[in-house]
Amino acid sequence: MVFALSGRMEVEHILELEKLFGPQTDYSNIILDLKEIRLADRAAVGFLARCEAVGAQLENCPAYIREWMEKEGSQ
């Protein structure tokens, strides 16, 4: 499944995505295309990092989000 995300990504969007993903724990069949994401808050960055950790692919991830994810992971 490919989800193309755009605009702002905030905590309320995370809840919607979690509903769409369902109860699965293996996200290896999920691709999140972040090409059109312009702004993400801390909750969104944490969510994206968790998704990637359980197998989701992040495509076209903006550099600032990738850097933020790496910083949060190292703390």
PDB file of N, CA and C in Angstrom:
ATOM      1  N   MET A   1       0.841  -1.169   0.000  1.00  0.00           N
ATOM      2  CA  MET A   1       0.000   0.000   0.000  1.00  0.00           C
ATOM      3  C   MET A   1       0.889   1.236   0.000  1.00  0.00           C
ATOM      4  N   VAL A   2       0.581   2.174  -0.857  1.00  0.00           N
ATOM      5  CA  VAL A   2       1.325   3.429  -0.911  1.00  0.00           C
ATOM      6  C   VAL A   2       0.417   4.546  -0.420  1.00  0.00           C
ATOM      7  N   PHE A   3       0.915   5.301   0.537  1.00  0.00           N
ATOM      8  CA  PHE A   3       0.206   6.464   1.044  1.00  0.00           C
ATOM      9  C   PHE A   3       1.027   7.695   0.686  1.00  0.00           C
ATOM     10  N   ALA A   4       0.480   8.552  -0.145  1.00  0.00           N
ATOM     11  CA  ALA A   4       1.156   9.795  -0.518  1.00  0.00           C
ATOM     12  C   ALA A   4       0.653  10.884   0.430  1.00  0.00           C
ATOM     13  N   LEU A   5       1.553  11.417   1.228  1.00  0.00           N
ATOM     14  CA  LEU A   5       1.193  12.430   2.218  1.00  0.00           C
ATOM     15  C   LEU A   5       1.607  13.803   1.710  1.00  0.00           C
ATOM     16  N   SER A   6       0.838  14.822   2.099  1.00  0.00           N
ATOM     17  CA  SER A   6       1.173  16.164   1.642  1.00  0.00           C
ATOM     18  C   SER A   6       0.812  17.206   2.695  1.00  0.00           C
ATOM     19  N   GLY A   7       1.431  18.358   2.574  1.00  0.00           N
ATOM     20  CA  GLY A   7       1.135  19.470   3.473  1.00  0.00           C
ATOM     21  C   GLY A   7       1.774  19.302   4.834  1.00  0.00           C
ATOM     22  N   ARG A   8       0.977  19.577   5.866  1.00  0.00           N
ATOM     23  CA  ARG A   8       1.437  19.482   7.250  1.00  0.00           C
ATOM     24  C   ARG A   8       1.123  18.101   7.804  1.00  0.00           C
ATOM     25  N   MET A   9       2.007  17.608   8.646  1.00  0.00           N
ATOM     26  CA  MET A   9       1.762  16.341   9.318  1.00  0.00           C
ATOM     27  C   MET A   9       1.864  16.588  10.811  1.00  0.00           C
ATOM     28  N   GLU A  10       0.708  16.416  11.476  1.00  0.00           N
ATOM     29  CA  GLU A  10       0.637  16.671  12.911  1.00  0.00           C
ATOM     30  C   GLU A  10      -0.036  15.496  13.605  1.00  0.00           C
ATOM     31  N   VAL A  11      -0.143  15.580  14.914  1.00  0.00           N
ATOM     32  CA  VAL A  11      -0.631  14.464  15.727  1.00  0.00           C
ATOM     33  C   VAL A  11      -1.991  13.944  15.270  1.00  0.00           C
ATOM     34  N   GLU A  12      -2.910  14.804  14.870  1.00  0.00           N
ATOM     35  CA  GLU A  12      -4.229  14.312  14.441  1.00  0.00           C
ATOM     36  C   GLU A  12      -4.147  13.480  13.165  1.00  0.00           C
ATOM     37  N   HIS A  13      -3.152  13.733  12.344  1.00  0.00           N
ATOM     38  CA  HIS A  13      -2.966  12.952  11.122  1.00  0.00           C
ATOM     39  C   HIS A  13      -2.418  11.564  11.442  1.00  0.00           C
ATOM     40  N   ILE A  14      -1.642  11.480  12.497  1.00  0.00           N
ATOM     41  CA  ILE A  14      -1.093  10.198  12.926  1.00  0.00           C
ATOM     42  C   ILE A  14      -2.235   9.251  13.295  1.00  0.00           C
ATOM     43  N   LEU A  15      -3.201   9.765  14.021  1.00  0.00           N
ATOM     44  CA  LEU A  15      -4.339   8.945  14.442  1.00  0.00           C
ATOM     45  C   LEU A  15      -5.090   8.393  13.236  1.00  0.00           C
ATOM     46  N   GLU A  16      -5.258   9.213  12.214  1.00  0.00           N
ATOM     47  CA  GLU A  16      -5.936   8.766  10.995  1.00  0.00           C
ATOM     48  C   GLU A  16      -5.134   7.688  10.274  1.00  0.00           C
ATOM     49  N   LEU A  17      -3.829   7.890  10.180  1.00  0.00           N
ATOM     50  CA  LEU A  17      -2.987   6.890   9.520  1.00  0.00           C
ATOM     51  C   LEU A  17      -3.006   5.568  10.276  1.00  0.00           C
ATOM     52  N   GLU A  18      -2.959   5.632  11.594  1.00  0.00           N
ATOM     53  CA  GLU A  18      -3.001   4.405  12.384  1.00  0.00           C
ATOM     54  C   GLU A  18      -4.300   3.641  12.139  1.00  0.00           C
ATOM     55  N   LYS A  19      -5.401   4.351  11.985  1.00  0.00           N
ATOM     56  CA  LYS A  19      -6.680   3.702  11.667  1.00  0.00           C
ATOM     57  C   LYS A  19      -6.604   3.027  10.298  1.00  0.00           C
ATOM     58  N   LEU A  20      -6.012   3.720   9.322  1.00  0.00           N
ATOM     59  CA  LEU A  20      -5.885   3.163   7.976  1.00  0.00           C
ATOM     60  C   LEU A  20      -4.995   1.925   7.950  1.00  0.00           C
ATOM     61  N   PHE A  21      -3.923   1.944   8.725  1.00  0.00           N
ATOM     62  CA  PHE A  21      -2.985   0.821   8.744  1.00  0.00           C
ATOM     63  C   PHE A  21      -3.600  -0.398   9.416  1.00  0.00           C
ATOM     64  N   GLY A  22      -4.525  -0.178  10.328  1.00  0.00           N
ATOM     65  CA  GLY A  22      -5.159  -1.288  11.024  1.00  0.00           C
ATOM     66  C   GLY A  22      -4.286  -1.849  12.125  1.00  0.00           C
ATOM     67  N   PRO A  23      -4.676  -3.019  12.632  1.00  0.00           N
ATOM     68  CA  PRO A  23      -3.992  -3.593  13.796  1.00  0.00           C
ATOM     69  C   PRO A  23      -2.679  -4.316  13.478  1.00  0.00           C
ATOM     70  N   GLN A  24      -2.242  -4.272  12.244  1.00  0.00           N
ATOM     71  CA  GLN A  24      -1.028  -5.020  11.889  1.00  0.00           C
ATOM     72  C   GLN A  24       0.200  -4.496  12.632  1.00  0.00           C
ATOM     73  N   THR A  25       1.157  -5.360  12.859  1.00  0.00           N
ATOM     74  CA  THR A  25       2.403  -4.962  13.507  1.00  0.00           C
ATOM     75  C   THR A  25       3.570  -4.986  12.533  1.00  0.00           C
ATOM     76  N   ASP A  26       3.371  -5.607  11.381  1.00  0.00           N
ATOM     77  CA  ASP A  26       4.390  -5.648  10.338  1.00  0.00           C
ATOM     78  C   ASP A  26       4.001  -4.652   9.249  1.00  0.00           C
ATOM     79  N   TYR A  27       4.773  -3.598   9.127  1.00  0.00           N
ATOM     80  CA  TYR A  27       4.452  -2.539   8.170  1.00  0.00           C
ATOM     81  C   TYR A  27       5.230  -2.687   6.866  1.00  0.00           C
ATOM     82  N   SER A  28       5.804  -3.862   6.622  1.00  0.00           N
ATOM     83  CA  SER A  28       6.658  -4.033   5.444  1.00  0.00           C
ATOM     84  C   SER A  28       5.909  -3.861   4.122  1.00  0.00           C
ATOM     85  N   ASN A  29       4.604  -3.909   4.157  1.00  0.00           N
ATOM     86  CA  ASN A  29       3.825  -3.707   2.930  1.00  0.00           C
ATOM     87  C   ASN A  29       3.335  -2.262   2.785  1.00  0.00           C
ATOM     88  N   ILE A  30       3.841  -1.363   3.633  1.00  0.00           N
ATOM     89  CA  ILE A  30       3.413   0.036   3.611  1.00  0.00           C
ATOM     90  C   ILE A  30       4.548   0.924   3.117  1.00  0.00           C
ATOM     91  N   ILE A  31       4.212   1.799   2.177  1.00  0.00           N
ATOM     92  CA  ILE A  31       5.155   2.814   1.684  1.00  0.00           C
ATOM     93  C   ILE A  31       4.524   4.170   1.958  1.00  0.00           C
ATOM     94  N   LEU A  32       5.275   5.027   2.625  1.00  0.00           N
ATOM     95  CA  LEU A  32       4.823   6.394   2.870  1.00  0.00           C
ATOM     96  C   LEU A  32       5.629   7.321   1.966  1.00  0.00           C
ATOM     97  N   ASP A  33       4.963   7.932   1.009  1.00  0.00           N
ATOM     98  CA  ASP A  33       5.626   8.867   0.100  1.00  0.00           C
ATOM     99  C   ASP A  33       5.491  10.257   0.705  1.00  0.00           C
ATOM    100  N   LEU A  34       6.610  10.818   1.106  1.00  0.00           N
ATOM    101  CA  LEU A  34       6.633  12.092   1.827  1.00  0.00           C
ATOM    102  C   LEU A  34       7.039  13.264   0.940  1.00  0.00           C
ATOM    103  N   LYS A  35       7.008  13.071  -0.356  1.00  0.00           N
ATOM    104  CA  LYS A  35       7.490  14.093  -1.281  1.00  0.00           C
ATOM    105  C   LYS A  35       6.820  15.448  -1.066  1.00  0.00           C
ATOM    106  N   GLU A  36       5.535  15.451  -0.762  1.00  0.00           N
ATOM    107  CA  GLU A  36       4.783  16.705  -0.644  1.00  0.00           C
ATOM    108  C   GLU A  36       4.621  17.193   0.791  1.00  0.00           C
ATOM    109  N   ILE A  37       5.300  16.552   1.762  1.00  0.00           N
ATOM    110  CA  ILE A  37       5.227  17.017   3.148  1.00  0.00           C
ATOM    111  C   ILE A  37       6.035  18.305   3.265  1.00  0.00           C
ATOM    112  N   ARG A  38       5.403  19.321   3.780  1.00  0.00           N
ATOM    113  CA  ARG A  38       6.068  20.623   3.926  1.00  0.00           C
ATOM    114  C   ARG A  38       6.443  20.938   5.362  1.00  0.00           C
ATOM    115  N   LEU A  39       5.698  20.355   6.309  1.00  0.00           N
ATOM    116  CA  LEU A  39       5.945  20.642   7.716  1.00  0.00           C
ATOM    117  C   LEU A  39       5.515  19.435   8.536  1.00  0.00           C
ATOM    118  N   ALA A  40       6.346  19.043   9.491  1.00  0.00           N
ATOM    119  CA  ALA A  40       6.019  17.937  10.381  1.00  0.00           C
ATOM    120  C   ALA A  40       6.368  18.344  11.802  1.00  0.00           C
ATOM    121  N   ASP A  41       5.493  17.978  12.746  1.00  0.00           N
ATOM    122  CA  ASP A  41       5.805  18.284  14.136  1.00  0.00           C
ATOM    123  C   ASP A  41       6.548  17.103  14.764  1.00  0.00           C
ATOM    124  N   ARG A  42       6.930  17.267  16.024  1.00  0.00           N
ATOM    125  CA  ARG A  42       7.731  16.251  16.700  1.00  0.00           C
ATOM    126  C   ARG A  42       7.002  14.907  16.772  1.00  0.00           C
ATOM    127  N   ALA A  43       5.706  14.937  17.031  1.00  0.00           N
ATOM    128  CA  ALA A  43       4.929  13.694  17.096  1.00  0.00           C
ATOM    129  C   ALA A  43       4.953  12.974  15.749  1.00  0.00           C
ATOM    130  N   ALA A  44       4.848  13.730  14.676  1.00  0.00           N
ATOM    131  CA  ALA A  44       4.861  13.136  13.335  1.00  0.00           C
ATOM    132  C   ALA A  44       6.216  12.504  13.034  1.00  0.00           C
ATOM    133  N   VAL A  45       7.277  13.177  13.402  1.00  0.00           N
ATOM    134  CA  VAL A  45       8.617  12.645  13.159  1.00  0.00           C
ATOM    135  C   VAL A  45       8.813  11.351  13.955  1.00  0.00           C
ATOM    136  N   GLY A  46       8.358  11.336  15.197  1.00  0.00           N
ATOM    137  CA  GLY A  46       8.442  10.120  16.003  1.00  0.00           C
ATOM    138  C   GLY A  46       7.638   8.983  15.398  1.00  0.00           C
ATOM    139  N   PHE A  47       6.450   9.301  14.905  1.00  0.00           N
ATOM    140  CA  PHE A  47       5.599   8.306  14.254  1.00  0.00           C
ATOM    141  C   PHE A  47       6.287   7.725  13.023  1.00  0.00           C
ATOM    142  N   LEU A  48       6.860   8.587  12.201  1.00  0.00           N
ATOM    143  CA  LEU A  48       7.548   8.120  10.995  1.00  0.00           C
ATOM    144  C   LEU A  48       8.718   7.211  11.349  1.00  0.00           C
ATOM    145  N   ALA A  49       9.448   7.573  12.389  1.00  0.00           N
ATOM    146  CA  ALA A  49      10.581   6.745  12.830  1.00  0.00           C
ATOM    147  C   ALA A  49      10.092   5.379  13.301  1.00  0.00           C
ATOM    148  N   ARG A  50       8.987   5.348  14.037  1.00  0.00           N
ATOM    149  CA  ARG A  50       8.433   4.075  14.503  1.00  0.00           C
ATOM    150  C   ARG A  50       7.955   3.229  13.323  1.00  0.00           C
ATOM    151  N   CYS A  51       7.314   3.870  12.358  1.00  0.00           N
ATOM    152  CA  CYS A  51       6.850   3.141  11.165  1.00  0.00           C
ATOM    153  C   CYS A  51       8.025   2.488  10.453  1.00  0.00           C
ATOM    154  N   GLU A  52       9.080   3.257  10.276  1.00  0.00           N
ATOM    155  CA  GLU A  52      10.253   2.729   9.586  1.00  0.00           C
ATOM    156  C   GLU A  52      10.879   1.575  10.392  1.00  0.00           C
ATOM    157  N   ALA A  53      10.870   1.705  11.705  1.00  0.00           N
ATOM    158  CA  ALA A  53      11.464   0.677  12.560  1.00  0.00           C
ATOM    159  C   ALA A  53      10.727  -0.659  12.450  1.00  0.00           C
ATOM    160  N   VAL A  54       9.428  -0.622  12.110  1.00  0.00           N
ATOM    161  CA  VAL A  54       8.654  -1.864  11.986  1.00  0.00           C
ATOM    162  C   VAL A  54       8.417  -2.246  10.528  1.00  0.00           C
ATOM    163  N   GLY A  55       9.223  -1.690   9.630  1.00  0.00           N
ATOM    164  CA  GLY A  55       9.236  -2.176   8.259  1.00  0.00           C
ATOM    165  C   GLY A  55       8.700  -1.280   7.172  1.00  0.00           C
ATOM    166  N   ALA A  56       8.039  -0.174   7.512  1.00  0.00           N
ATOM    167  CA  ALA A  56       7.517   0.716   6.474  1.00  0.00           C
ATOM    168  C   ALA A  56       8.674   1.374   5.722  1.00  0.00           C
ATOM    169  N   GLN A  57       8.435   1.671   4.460  1.00  0.00           N
ATOM    170  CA  GLN A  57       9.423   2.390   3.664  1.00  0.00           C
ATOM    171  C   GLN A  57       9.019   3.856   3.596  1.00  0.00           C
ATOM    172  N   LEU A  58       9.982   4.744   3.805  1.00  0.00           N
ATOM    173  CA  LEU A  58       9.747   6.177   3.664  1.00  0.00           C
ATOM    174  C   LEU A  58      10.395   6.611   2.357  1.00  0.00           C
ATOM    175  N   GLU A  59       9.573   6.969   1.393  1.00  0.00           N
ATOM    176  CA  GLU A  59      10.090   7.428   0.103  1.00  0.00           C
ATOM    177  C   GLU A  59      10.048   8.946   0.049  1.00  0.00           C
ATOM    178  N   ASN A  60      11.016   9.511  -0.640  1.00  0.00           N
ATOM    179  CA  ASN A  60      11.103  10.956  -0.838  1.00  0.00           C
ATOM    180  C   ASN A  60      11.040  11.715   0.481  1.00  0.00           C
ATOM    181  N   CYS A  61      11.709  11.178   1.482  1.00  0.00           N
ATOM    182  CA  CYS A  61      11.706  11.786   2.810  1.00  0.00           C
ATOM    183  C   CYS A  61      12.541  13.068   2.784  1.00  0.00           C
ATOM    184  N   PRO A  62      11.940  14.206   3.157  1.00  0.00           N
ATOM    185  CA  PRO A  62      12.708  15.461   3.186  1.00  0.00           C
ATOM    186  C   PRO A  62      13.907  15.338   4.124  1.00  0.00           C
ATOM    187  N   ALA A  63      14.979  15.977   3.758  1.00  0.00           N
ATOM    188  CA  ALA A  63      16.225  15.885   4.531  1.00  0.00           C
ATOM    189  C   ALA A  63      16.039  16.322   5.972  1.00  0.00           C
ATOM    190  N   TYR A  64      15.242  17.374   6.207  1.00  0.00           N
ATOM    191  CA  TYR A  64      15.091  17.854   7.579  1.00  0.00           C
ATOM    192  C   TYR A  64      14.374  16.813   8.449  1.00  0.00           C
ATOM    193  N   ILE A  65      13.455  16.056   7.869  1.00  0.00           N
ATOM    194  CA  ILE A  65      12.764  15.020   8.629  1.00  0.00           C
ATOM    195  C   ILE A  65      13.732  13.872   8.926  1.00  0.00           C
ATOM    196  N   ARG A  66      14.498  13.459   7.930  1.00  0.00           N
ATOM    197  CA  ARG A  66      15.480  12.383   8.126  1.00  0.00           C
ATOM    198  C   ARG A  66      16.483  12.767   9.203  1.00  0.00           C
ATOM    199  N   GLU A  67      16.992  13.997   9.158  1.00  0.00           N
ATOM    200  CA  GLU A  67      17.957  14.448  10.161  1.00  0.00           C
ATOM    201  C   GLU A  67      17.340  14.472  11.550  1.00  0.00           C
ATOM    202  N   TRP A  68      16.101  14.949  11.641  1.00  0.00           N
ATOM    203  CA  TRP A  68      15.403  15.011  12.917  1.00  0.00           C
ATOM    204  C   TRP A  68      15.188  13.603  13.467  1.00  0.00           C
ATOM    205  N   MET A  69      14.811  12.673  12.611  1.00  0.00           N
ATOM    206  CA  MET A  69      14.616  11.288  13.038  1.00  0.00           C
ATOM    207  C   MET A  69      15.922  10.716  13.594  1.00  0.00           C
ATOM    208  N   GLU A  70      17.018  10.997  12.931  1.00  0.00           N
ATOM    209  CA  GLU A  70      18.309  10.492  13.385  1.00  0.00           C
ATOM    210  C   GLU A  70      18.711  11.110  14.718  1.00  0.00           C
ATOM    211  N   LYS A  71      18.451  12.405  14.882  1.00  0.00           N
ATOM    212  CA  LYS A  71      18.755  13.077  16.146  1.00  0.00           C
ATOM    213  C   LYS A  71      17.935  12.487  17.281  1.00  0.00           C
ATOM    214  N   GLU A  72      16.647  12.311  17.054  1.00  0.00           N
ATOM    215  CA  GLU A  72      15.763  11.759  18.087  1.00  0.00           C
ATOM    216  C   GLU A  72      16.177  10.336  18.437  1.00  0.00           C
ATOM    217  N   GLY A  73      16.616   9.584  17.449  1.00  0.00           N
ATOM    218  CA  GLY A  73      17.030   8.211  17.689  1.00  0.00           C
ATOM    219  C   GLY A  73      18.303   8.087  18.501  1.00  0.00           C
ATOM    220  N   SER A  74      19.143   9.104  18.426  1.00  0.00           N
ATOM    221  CA  SER A  74      20.413   9.048  19.128  1.00  0.00           C
ATOM    222  C   SER A  74      20.313   9.546  20.565  1.00  0.00           C
ATOM    223  N   GLN A  75      19.154  10.049  20.948  1.00  0.00           N
ATOM    224  CA  GLN A  75      19.002  10.571  22.309  1.00  0.00           C
ATOM    225  C   GLN A  75      18.505   9.526  23.265  1.00  0.00           C
TER     226      GLN A  75
END
